[in-house]
Amino acid sequence: LDRSGIARDLFEAMRLFGGRLKGGVAVQTIFVAVILAA
């Protein structure tokens, strides 16, 4: 995962869900962290 672009694209995709929130990028960072952890 470290060497691929999967995490980068995952982070970009989460913009769909956090974009309209104030603090959306921070929230999407946590969601991406959960998916990467899983």
PDB file of all heavy atoms in Angstrom:
ATOM      1  N   LEU A   1       0.833  -1.205   0.000  1.00  0.00           N
ATOM      2  CA  LEU A   1       0.000   0.000   0.000  1.00  0.00           C
ATOM      3  C   LEU A   1       0.866   1.253   0.000  1.00  0.00           C
ATOM      4  O   LEU A   1       0.544   2.267  -0.627  1.00  0.00           O
ATOM      5  CB  LEU A   1      -0.919   0.011   1.223  1.00  0.00           C
ATOM      6  CG  LEU A   1      -2.118  -0.939   1.191  1.00  0.00           C
ATOM      7  CD1 LEU A   1      -2.793  -0.981   2.551  1.00  0.00           C
ATOM      8  CD2 LEU A   1      -3.110  -0.503   0.132  1.00  0.00           C
ATOM      9  N   ASP A   2       1.970   1.162   0.762  1.00  0.00           N
ATOM     10  CA  ASP A   2       2.934   2.256   0.856  1.00  0.00           C
ATOM     11  C   ASP A   2       3.442   2.677  -0.512  1.00  0.00           C
ATOM     12  O   ASP A   2       3.693   3.858  -0.768  1.00  0.00           O
ATOM     13  CB  ASP A   2       4.128   1.765   1.690  1.00  0.00           C
ATOM     14  CG  ASP A   2       4.469   2.724   2.803  1.00  0.00           C
ATOM     15  OD1 ASP A   2       3.931   3.831   2.788  1.00  0.00           O
ATOM     16  OD2 ASP A   2       5.261   2.357   3.672  1.00  0.00           O
ATOM     17  N   ARG A   3       3.628   1.687  -1.390  1.00  0.00           N
ATOM     18  CA  ARG A   3       4.283   1.921  -2.671  1.00  0.00           C
ATOM     19  C   ARG A   3       3.299   2.106  -3.832  1.00  0.00           C
ATOM     20  O   ARG A   3       3.736   2.321  -4.955  1.00  0.00           O
ATOM     21  CB  ARG A   3       5.226   0.738  -2.978  1.00  0.00           C
ATOM     22  CG  ARG A   3       6.449   0.731  -2.091  1.00  0.00           C
ATOM     23  CD  ARG A   3       7.139  -0.620  -2.041  1.00  0.00           C
ATOM     24  NE  ARG A   3       8.410  -0.517  -1.350  1.00  0.00           N
ATOM     25  CZ  ARG A   3       8.536  -0.426  -0.036  1.00  0.00           C
ATOM     26  NH1 ARG A   3       7.453  -0.446   0.734  1.00  0.00           N
ATOM     27  NH2 ARG A   3       9.727  -0.315   0.518  1.00  0.00           N
ATOM     28  N   SER A   4       2.017   1.974  -3.561  1.00  0.00           N
ATOM     29  CA  SER A   4       1.026   2.113  -4.632  1.00  0.00           C
ATOM     30  C   SER A   4       0.269   3.428  -4.459  1.00  0.00           C
ATOM     31  O   SER A   4       0.439   4.138  -3.475  1.00  0.00           O
ATOM     32  CB  SER A   4       0.036   0.940  -4.599  1.00  0.00           C
ATOM     33  OG  SER A   4      -0.828   1.068  -3.484  1.00  0.00           O
ATOM     34  N   GLY A   5      -0.588   3.721  -5.414  1.00  0.00           N
ATOM     35  CA  GLY A   5      -1.397   4.936  -5.335  1.00  0.00           C
ATOM     36  C   GLY A   5      -2.779   4.677  -4.762  1.00  0.00           C
ATOM     37  O   GLY A   5      -3.653   5.544  -4.823  1.00  0.00           O
ATOM     38  N   ILE A   6      -2.987   3.476  -4.171  1.00  0.00           N
ATOM     39  CA  ILE A   6      -4.308   3.109  -3.652  1.00  0.00           C
ATOM     40  C   ILE A   6      -4.742   4.072  -2.552  1.00  0.00           C
ATOM     41  O   ILE A   6      -5.882   4.553  -2.541  1.00  0.00           O
ATOM     42  CB  ILE A   6      -4.302   1.656  -3.137  1.00  0.00           C
ATOM     43  CG1 ILE A   6      -4.098   0.683  -4.313  1.00  0.00           C
ATOM     44  CG2 ILE A   6      -5.609   1.331  -2.407  1.00  0.00           C
ATOM     45  CD1 ILE A   6      -3.920  -0.765  -3.887  1.00  0.00           C
ATOM     46  N   ALA A   7      -3.828   4.368  -1.614  1.00  0.00           N
ATOM     47  CA  ALA A   7      -4.176   5.256  -0.498  1.00  0.00           C
ATOM     48  C   ALA A   7      -4.487   6.664  -0.999  1.00  0.00           C
ATOM     49  O   ALA A   7      -5.416   7.320  -0.511  1.00  0.00           O
ATOM     50  CB  ALA A   7      -3.034   5.283   0.515  1.00  0.00           C
ATOM     51  N   ARG A   8      -3.739   7.121  -1.995  1.00  0.00           N
ATOM     52  CA  ARG A   8      -3.969   8.466  -2.542  1.00  0.00           C
ATOM     53  C   ARG A   8      -5.358   8.565  -3.177  1.00  0.00           C
ATOM     54  O   ARG A   8      -6.109   9.508  -2.921  1.00  0.00           O
ATOM     55  CB  ARG A   8      -2.880   8.786  -3.576  1.00  0.00           C
ATOM     56  CG  ARG A   8      -2.993  10.189  -4.160  1.00  0.00           C
ATOM     57  CD  ARG A   8      -2.024  10.414  -5.301  1.00  0.00           C
ATOM     58  NE  ARG A   8      -2.326   9.531  -6.437  1.00  0.00           N
ATOM     59  CZ  ARG A   8      -1.532   8.559  -6.864  1.00  0.00           C
ATOM     60  NH1 ARG A   8      -0.390   8.325  -6.257  1.00  0.00           N
ATOM     61  NH2 ARG A   8      -1.875   7.802  -7.892  1.00  0.00           N
ATOM     62  N   ASP A   9      -5.713   7.567  -3.970  1.00  0.00           N
ATOM     63  CA  ASP A   9      -7.031   7.580  -4.619  1.00  0.00           C
ATOM     64  C   ASP A   9      -8.157   7.411  -3.600  1.00  0.00           C
ATOM     65  O   ASP A   9      -9.244   7.976  -3.759  1.00  0.00           O
ATOM     66  CB  ASP A   9      -7.113   6.460  -5.666  1.00  0.00           C
ATOM     67  CG  ASP A   9      -6.293   6.790  -6.911  1.00  0.00           C
ATOM     68  OD1 ASP A   9      -5.749   7.913  -6.974  1.00  0.00           O
ATOM     69  OD2 ASP A   9      -6.181   5.929  -7.803  1.00  0.00           O
ATOM     70  N   LEU A  10      -7.895   6.623  -2.572  1.00  0.00           N
ATOM     71  CA  LEU A  10      -8.876   6.444  -1.500  1.00  0.00           C
ATOM     72  C   LEU A  10      -9.142   7.765  -0.800  1.00  0.00           C
ATOM     73  O   LEU A  10     -10.295   8.131  -0.519  1.00  0.00           O
ATOM     74  CB  LEU A  10      -8.360   5.395  -0.503  1.00  0.00           C
ATOM     75  CG  LEU A  10      -9.197   5.117   0.745  1.00  0.00           C
ATOM     76  CD1 LEU A  10     -10.557   4.558   0.362  1.00  0.00           C
ATOM     77  CD2 LEU A  10      -8.474   4.134   1.668  1.00  0.00           C
ATOM     78  N   PHE A  11      -8.081   8.516  -0.530  1.00  0.00           N
ATOM     79  CA  PHE A  11      -8.212   9.817   0.125  1.00  0.00           C
ATOM     80  C   PHE A  11      -9.013  10.786  -0.743  1.00  0.00           C
ATOM     81  O   PHE A  11      -9.888  11.511  -0.258  1.00  0.00           O
ATOM     82  CB  PHE A  11      -6.820  10.387   0.415  1.00  0.00           C
ATOM     83  CG  PHE A  11      -6.838  11.683   1.170  1.00  0.00           C
ATOM     84  CD1 PHE A  11      -7.085  11.703   2.536  1.00  0.00           C
ATOM     85  CD2 PHE A  11      -6.625  12.890   0.522  1.00  0.00           C
ATOM     86  CE1 PHE A  11      -7.112  12.897   3.232  1.00  0.00           C
ATOM     87  CE2 PHE A  11      -6.655  14.092   1.204  1.00  0.00           C
ATOM     88  CZ  PHE A  11      -6.895  14.094   2.567  1.00  0.00           C
ATOM     89  N   GLU A  12      -8.726  10.772  -2.032  1.00  0.00           N
ATOM     90  CA  GLU A  12      -9.454  11.641  -2.957  1.00  0.00           C
ATOM     91  C   GLU A  12     -10.934  11.258  -3.019  1.00  0.00           C
ATOM     92  O   GLU A  12     -11.817  12.114  -3.059  1.00  0.00           O
ATOM     93  CB  GLU A  12      -8.839  11.544  -4.359  1.00  0.00           C
ATOM     94  CG  GLU A  12      -7.566  12.346  -4.535  1.00  0.00           C
ATOM     95  CD  GLU A  12      -7.806  13.832  -4.384  1.00  0.00           C
ATOM     96  OE1 GLU A  12      -8.695  14.365  -5.064  1.00  0.00           O
ATOM     97  OE2 GLU A  12      -7.110  14.468  -3.562  1.00  0.00           O
ATOM     98  N   ALA A  13     -11.213   9.939  -3.014  1.00  0.00           N
ATOM     99  CA  ALA A  13     -12.600   9.464  -3.108  1.00  0.00           C
ATOM    100  C   ALA A  13     -13.435   9.883  -1.905  1.00  0.00           C
ATOM    101  O   ALA A  13     -14.632  10.167  -2.035  1.00  0.00           O
ATOM    102  CB  ALA A  13     -12.613   7.937  -3.250  1.00  0.00           C
ATOM    103  N   MET A  14     -12.800   9.955  -0.740  1.00  0.00           N
ATOM    104  CA  MET A  14     -13.542  10.313   0.465  1.00  0.00           C
ATOM    105  C   MET A  14     -13.994  11.767   0.451  1.00  0.00           C
ATOM    106  O   MET A  14     -14.809  12.184   1.270  1.00  0.00           O
ATOM    107  CB  MET A  14     -12.680  10.055   1.708  1.00  0.00           C
ATOM    108  CG  MET A  14     -12.402   8.576   1.980  1.00  0.00           C
ATOM    109  SD  MET A  14     -13.893   7.557   2.085  1.00  0.00           S
ATOM    110  CE  MET A  14     -14.670   8.224   3.531  1.00  0.00           C
ATOM    111  N   ARG A  15     -13.499  12.552  -0.516  1.00  0.00           N
ATOM    112  CA  ARG A  15     -13.944  13.942  -0.674  1.00  0.00           C
ATOM    113  C   ARG A  15     -15.433  14.006  -0.986  1.00  0.00           C
ATOM    114  O   ARG A  15     -16.111  14.990  -0.663  1.00  0.00           O
ATOM    115  CB  ARG A  15     -13.130  14.584  -1.809  1.00  0.00           C
ATOM    116  CG  ARG A  15     -13.240  16.079  -1.922  1.00  0.00           C
ATOM    117  CD  ARG A  15     -12.003  16.656  -2.606  1.00  0.00           C
ATOM    118  NE  ARG A  15     -11.730  16.022  -3.888  1.00  0.00           N
ATOM    119  CZ  ARG A  15     -12.210  16.447  -5.056  1.00  0.00           C
ATOM    120  NH1 ARG A  15     -13.035  17.467  -5.107  1.00  0.00           N
ATOM    121  NH2 ARG A  15     -11.875  15.841  -6.186  1.00  0.00           N
ATOM    122  N   LEU A  16     -15.964  12.938  -1.576  1.00  0.00           N
ATOM    123  CA  LEU A  16     -17.398  12.881  -1.895  1.00  0.00           C
ATOM    124  C   LEU A  16     -18.254  12.948  -0.638  1.00  0.00           C
ATOM    125  O   LEU A  16     -19.375  13.445  -0.651  1.00  0.00           O
ATOM    126  CB  LEU A  16     -17.709  11.582  -2.646  1.00  0.00           C
ATOM    127  CG  LEU A  16     -17.191  11.460  -4.085  1.00  0.00           C
ATOM    128  CD1 LEU A  16     -17.384  10.039  -4.578  1.00  0.00           C
ATOM    129  CD2 LEU A  16     -17.910  12.452  -4.987  1.00  0.00           C
ATOM    130  N   PHE A  17     -17.716  12.416   0.466  1.00  0.00           N
ATOM    131  CA  PHE A  17     -18.517  12.319   1.695  1.00  0.00           C
ATOM    132  C   PHE A  17     -18.204  13.434   2.692  1.00  0.00           C
ATOM    133  O   PHE A  17     -19.053  13.816   3.486  1.00  0.00           O
ATOM    134  CB  PHE A  17     -18.261  10.956   2.362  1.00  0.00           C
ATOM    135  CG  PHE A  17     -18.528   9.795   1.439  1.00  0.00           C
ATOM    136  CD1 PHE A  17     -17.499   9.194   0.731  1.00  0.00           C
ATOM    137  CD2 PHE A  17     -19.815   9.320   1.265  1.00  0.00           C
ATOM    138  CE1 PHE A  17     -17.738   8.135  -0.133  1.00  0.00           C
ATOM    139  CE2 PHE A  17     -20.067   8.259   0.397  1.00  0.00           C
ATOM    140  CZ  PHE A  17     -19.026   7.671  -0.297  1.00  0.00           C
ATOM    141  N   GLY A  18     -16.970  13.956   2.648  1.00  0.00           N
ATOM    142  CA  GLY A  18     -16.602  14.973   3.626  1.00  0.00           C
ATOM    143  C   GLY A  18     -16.574  16.386   3.081  1.00  0.00           C
ATOM    144  O   GLY A  18     -16.373  17.336   3.829  1.00  0.00           O
ATOM    145  N   GLY A  19     -16.780  16.540   1.788  1.00  0.00           N
ATOM    146  CA  GLY A  19     -16.623  17.840   1.155  1.00  0.00           C
ATOM    147  C   GLY A  19     -17.554  18.918   1.664  1.00  0.00           C
ATOM    148  O   GLY A  19     -17.187  20.088   1.698  1.00  0.00           O
ATOM    149  N   ARG A  20     -18.773  18.572   2.036  1.00  0.00           N
ATOM    150  CA  ARG A  20     -19.756  19.583   2.434  1.00  0.00           C
ATOM    151  C   ARG A  20     -19.767  19.830   3.945  1.00  0.00           C
ATOM    152  O   ARG A  20     -20.608  20.564   4.445  1.00  0.00           O
ATOM    153  CB  ARG A  20     -21.152  19.177   1.961  1.00  0.00           C
ATOM    154  CG  ARG A  20     -21.248  19.125   0.434  1.00  0.00           C
ATOM    155  CD  ARG A  20     -22.663  18.888  -0.044  1.00  0.00           C
ATOM    156  NE  ARG A  20     -22.731  18.886  -1.501  1.00  0.00           N
ATOM    157  CZ  ARG A  20     -22.810  19.982  -2.254  1.00  0.00           C
ATOM    158  NH1 ARG A  20     -22.849  21.171  -1.684  1.00  0.00           N
ATOM    159  NH2 ARG A  20     -22.860  19.889  -3.572  1.00  0.00           N
ATOM    160  N   LEU A  21     -18.848  19.190   4.670  1.00  0.00           N
ATOM    161  CA  LEU A  21     -18.735  19.414   6.109  1.00  0.00           C
ATOM    162  C   LEU A  21     -17.662  20.445   6.392  1.00  0.00           C
ATOM    163  O   LEU A  21     -16.641  20.496   5.706  1.00  0.00           O
ATOM    164  CB  LEU A  21     -18.341  18.116   6.827  1.00  0.00           C
ATOM    165  CG  LEU A  21     -19.402  17.043   7.057  1.00  0.00           C
ATOM    166  CD1 LEU A  21     -18.736  15.794   7.604  1.00  0.00           C
ATOM    167  CD2 LEU A  21     -20.471  17.534   8.022  1.00  0.00           C
ATOM    168  N   LYS A  22     -17.872  21.244   7.432  1.00  0.00           N
ATOM    169  CA  LYS A  22     -16.783  22.099   7.898  1.00  0.00           C
ATOM    170  C   LYS A  22     -15.807  21.188   8.642  1.00  0.00           C
ATOM    171  O   LYS A  22     -16.192  20.500   9.588  1.00  0.00           O
ATOM    172  CB  LYS A  22     -17.302  23.199   8.829  1.00  0.00           C
ATOM    173  CG  LYS A  22     -16.239  24.245   9.144  1.00  0.00           C
ATOM    174  CD  LYS A  22     -16.792  25.384   9.976  1.00  0.00           C
ATOM    175  CE  LYS A  22     -15.706  26.436  10.202  1.00  0.00           C
ATOM    176  NZ  LYS A  22     -16.187  27.555  11.041  1.00  0.00           N
ATOM    177  N   GLY A  23     -14.571  21.164   8.223  1.00  0.00           N
ATOM    178  CA  GLY A  23     -13.628  20.189   8.771  1.00  0.00           C
ATOM    179  C   GLY A  23     -13.665  18.881   8.009  1.00  0.00           C
ATOM    180  O   GLY A  23     -13.204  17.850   8.504  1.00  0.00           O
ATOM    181  N   GLY A  24     -14.214  18.940   6.786  1.00  0.00           N
ATOM    182  CA  GLY A  24     -14.408  17.729   5.994  1.00  0.00           C
ATOM    183  C   GLY A  24     -13.128  16.975   5.687  1.00  0.00           C
ATOM    184  O   GLY A  24     -13.103  15.749   5.722  1.00  0.00           O
ATOM    185  N   VAL A  25     -12.034  17.699   5.401  1.00  0.00           N
ATOM    186  CA  VAL A  25     -10.771  17.020   5.066  1.00  0.00           C
ATOM    187  C   VAL A  25     -10.240  16.261   6.288  1.00  0.00           C
ATOM    188  O   VAL A  25      -9.721  15.150   6.171  1.00  0.00           O
ATOM    189  CB  VAL A  25      -9.713  18.029   4.551  1.00  0.00           C
ATOM    190  CG1 VAL A  25      -8.397  17.315   4.266  1.00  0.00           C
ATOM    191  CG2 VAL A  25     -10.217  18.716   3.294  1.00  0.00           C
ATOM    192  N   ALA A  26     -10.381  16.854   7.464  1.00  0.00           N
ATOM    193  CA  ALA A  26      -9.940  16.185   8.694  1.00  0.00           C
ATOM    194  C   ALA A  26     -10.772  14.929   8.946  1.00  0.00           C
ATOM    195  O   ALA A  26     -10.240  13.878   9.321  1.00  0.00           O
ATOM    196  CB  ALA A  26     -10.044  17.142   9.883  1.00  0.00           C
ATOM    197  N   VAL A  27     -12.082  15.034   8.730  1.00  0.00           N
ATOM    198  CA  VAL A  27     -12.966  13.881   8.924  1.00  0.00           C
ATOM    199  C   VAL A  27     -12.656  12.788   7.911  1.00  0.00           C
ATOM    200  O   VAL A  27     -12.579  11.602   8.255  1.00  0.00           O
ATOM    201  CB  VAL A  27     -14.455  14.308   8.827  1.00  0.00           C
ATOM    202  CG1 VAL A  27     -15.369  13.089   8.821  1.00  0.00           C
ATOM    203  CG2 VAL A  27     -14.824  15.234   9.978  1.00  0.00           C
ATOM    204  N   GLN A  28     -12.440  13.173   6.654  1.00  0.00           N
ATOM    205  CA  GLN A  28     -12.157  12.159   5.641  1.00  0.00           C
ATOM    206  C   GLN A  28     -10.800  11.504   5.903  1.00  0.00           C
ATOM    207  O   GLN A  28     -10.600  10.329   5.587  1.00  0.00           O
ATOM    208  CB  GLN A  28     -12.223  12.755   4.239  1.00  0.00           C
ATOM    209  CG  GLN A  28     -11.002  13.509   3.754  1.00  0.00           C
ATOM    210  CD  GLN A  28     -11.222  14.147   2.390  1.00  0.00           C
ATOM    211  OE1 GLN A  28     -12.167  14.909   2.183  1.00  0.00           O
ATOM    212  NE2 GLN A  28     -10.352  13.847   1.454  1.00  0.00           N
ATOM    213  N   THR A  29      -9.870  12.238   6.523  1.00  0.00           N
ATOM    214  CA  THR A  29      -8.577  11.657   6.909  1.00  0.00           C
ATOM    215  C   THR A  29      -8.773  10.523   7.909  1.00  0.00           C
ATOM    216  O   THR A  29      -8.137   9.464   7.807  1.00  0.00           O
ATOM    217  CB  THR A  29      -7.653  12.745   7.515  1.00  0.00           C
ATOM    218  OG1 THR A  29      -7.438  13.772   6.553  1.00  0.00           O
ATOM    219  CG2 THR A  29      -6.321  12.162   7.936  1.00  0.00           C
ATOM    220  N   ILE A  30      -9.681  10.733   8.873  1.00  0.00           N
ATOM    221  CA  ILE A  30      -9.954   9.685   9.865  1.00  0.00           C
ATOM    222  C   ILE A  30     -10.621   8.483   9.207  1.00  0.00           C
ATOM    223  O   ILE A  30     -10.274   7.333   9.497  1.00  0.00           O
ATOM    224  CB  ILE A  30     -10.828  10.258  11.012  1.00  0.00           C
ATOM    225  CG1 ILE A  30     -10.053  11.337  11.779  1.00  0.00           C
ATOM    226  CG2 ILE A  30     -11.254   9.140  11.969  1.00  0.00           C
ATOM    227  CD1 ILE A  30     -10.888  12.141  12.753  1.00  0.00           C
ATOM    228  N   PHE A  31     -11.564   8.733   8.296  1.00  0.00           N
ATOM    229  CA  PHE A  31     -12.231   7.622   7.602  1.00  0.00           C
ATOM    230  C   PHE A  31     -11.234   6.822   6.760  1.00  0.00           C
ATOM    231  O   PHE A  31     -11.259   5.589   6.741  1.00  0.00           O
ATOM    232  CB  PHE A  31     -13.361   8.148   6.709  1.00  0.00           C
ATOM    233  CG  PHE A  31     -14.624   8.467   7.449  1.00  0.00           C
ATOM    234  CD1 PHE A  31     -15.321   9.634   7.201  1.00  0.00           C
ATOM    235  CD2 PHE A  31     -15.109   7.592   8.407  1.00  0.00           C
ATOM    236  CE1 PHE A  31     -16.495   9.931   7.889  1.00  0.00           C
ATOM    237  CE2 PHE A  31     -16.280   7.873   9.101  1.00  0.00           C
ATOM    238  CZ  PHE A  31     -16.970   9.042   8.845  1.00  0.00           C
ATOM    239  N   VAL A  32     -10.344   7.523   6.072  1.00  0.00           N
ATOM    240  CA  VAL A  32      -9.317   6.840   5.278  1.00  0.00           C
ATOM    241  C   VAL A  32      -8.414   6.020   6.190  1.00  0.00           C
ATOM    242  O   VAL A  32      -8.033   4.889   5.861  1.00  0.00           O
ATOM    243  CB  VAL A  32      -8.484   7.860   4.466  1.00  0.00           C
ATOM    244  CG1 VAL A  32      -7.256   7.196   3.851  1.00  0.00           C
ATOM    245  CG2 VAL A  32      -9.335   8.476   3.368  1.00  0.00           C
ATOM    246  N   ALA A  33      -8.076   6.582   7.359  1.00  0.00           N
ATOM    247  CA  ALA A  33      -7.239   5.860   8.326  1.00  0.00           C
ATOM    248  C   ALA A  33      -7.899   4.562   8.768  1.00  0.00           C
ATOM    249  O   ALA A  33      -7.240   3.525   8.914  1.00  0.00           O
ATOM    250  CB  ALA A  33      -6.962   6.749   9.540  1.00  0.00           C
ATOM    251  N   VAL A  34      -9.229   4.606   8.980  1.00  0.00           N
ATOM    252  CA  VAL A  34      -9.962   3.397   9.391  1.00  0.00           C
ATOM    253  C   VAL A  34      -9.904   2.342   8.285  1.00  0.00           C
ATOM    254  O   VAL A  34      -9.656   1.160   8.561  1.00  0.00           O
ATOM    255  CB  VAL A  34     -11.433   3.742   9.727  1.00  0.00           C
ATOM    256  CG1 VAL A  34     -12.255   2.473   9.919  1.00  0.00           C
ATOM    257  CG2 VAL A  34     -11.503   4.600  10.990  1.00  0.00           C
ATOM    258  N   ILE A  35     -10.109   2.758   7.036  1.00  0.00           N
ATOM    259  CA  ILE A  35     -10.087   1.790   5.923  1.00  0.00           C
ATOM    260  C   ILE A  35      -8.695   1.200   5.742  1.00  0.00           C
ATOM    261  O   ILE A  35      -8.531  -0.009   5.566  1.00  0.00           O
ATOM    262  CB  ILE A  35     -10.573   2.460   4.619  1.00  0.00           C
ATOM    263  CG1 ILE A  35     -12.042   2.880   4.753  1.00  0.00           C
ATOM    264  CG2 ILE A  35     -10.423   1.505   3.431  1.00  0.00           C
ATOM    265  CD1 ILE A  35     -12.575   3.695   3.599  1.00  0.00           C
ATOM    266  N   LEU A  36      -7.658   2.049   5.840  1.00  0.00           N
ATOM    267  CA  LEU A  36      -6.288   1.550   5.733  1.00  0.00           C
ATOM    268  C   LEU A  36      -5.956   0.594   6.872  1.00  0.00           C
ATOM    269  O   LEU A  36      -5.274  -0.415   6.684  1.00  0.00           O
ATOM    270  CB  LEU A  36      -5.291   2.718   5.724  1.00  0.00           C
ATOM    271  CG  LEU A  36      -5.296   3.623   4.486  1.00  0.00           C
ATOM    272  CD1 LEU A  36      -4.357   4.803   4.680  1.00  0.00           C
ATOM    273  CD2 LEU A  36      -4.899   2.829   3.241  1.00  0.00           C
ATOM    274  N   ALA A  37      -6.456   0.916   8.073  1.00  0.00           N
ATOM    275  CA  ALA A  37      -6.233   0.035   9.223  1.00  0.00           C
ATOM    276  C   ALA A  37      -6.907  -1.314   9.008  1.00  0.00           C
ATOM    277  O   ALA A  37      -6.359  -2.365   9.362  1.00  0.00           O
ATOM    278  CB  ALA A  37      -6.770   0.690  10.502  1.00  0.00           C
ATOM    279  N   ALA A  38      -8.111  -1.285   8.425  1.00  0.00           N
ATOM    280  CA  ALA A  38      -8.837  -2.533   8.158  1.00  0.00           C
ATOM    281  C   ALA A  38      -8.201  -3.343   7.037  1.00  0.00           C
ATOM    282  O   ALA A  38      -8.501  -4.532   6.876  1.00  0.00           O
ATOM    283  CB  ALA A  38     -10.291  -2.220   7.807  1.00  0.00           C
TER     284      ALA A  38
END
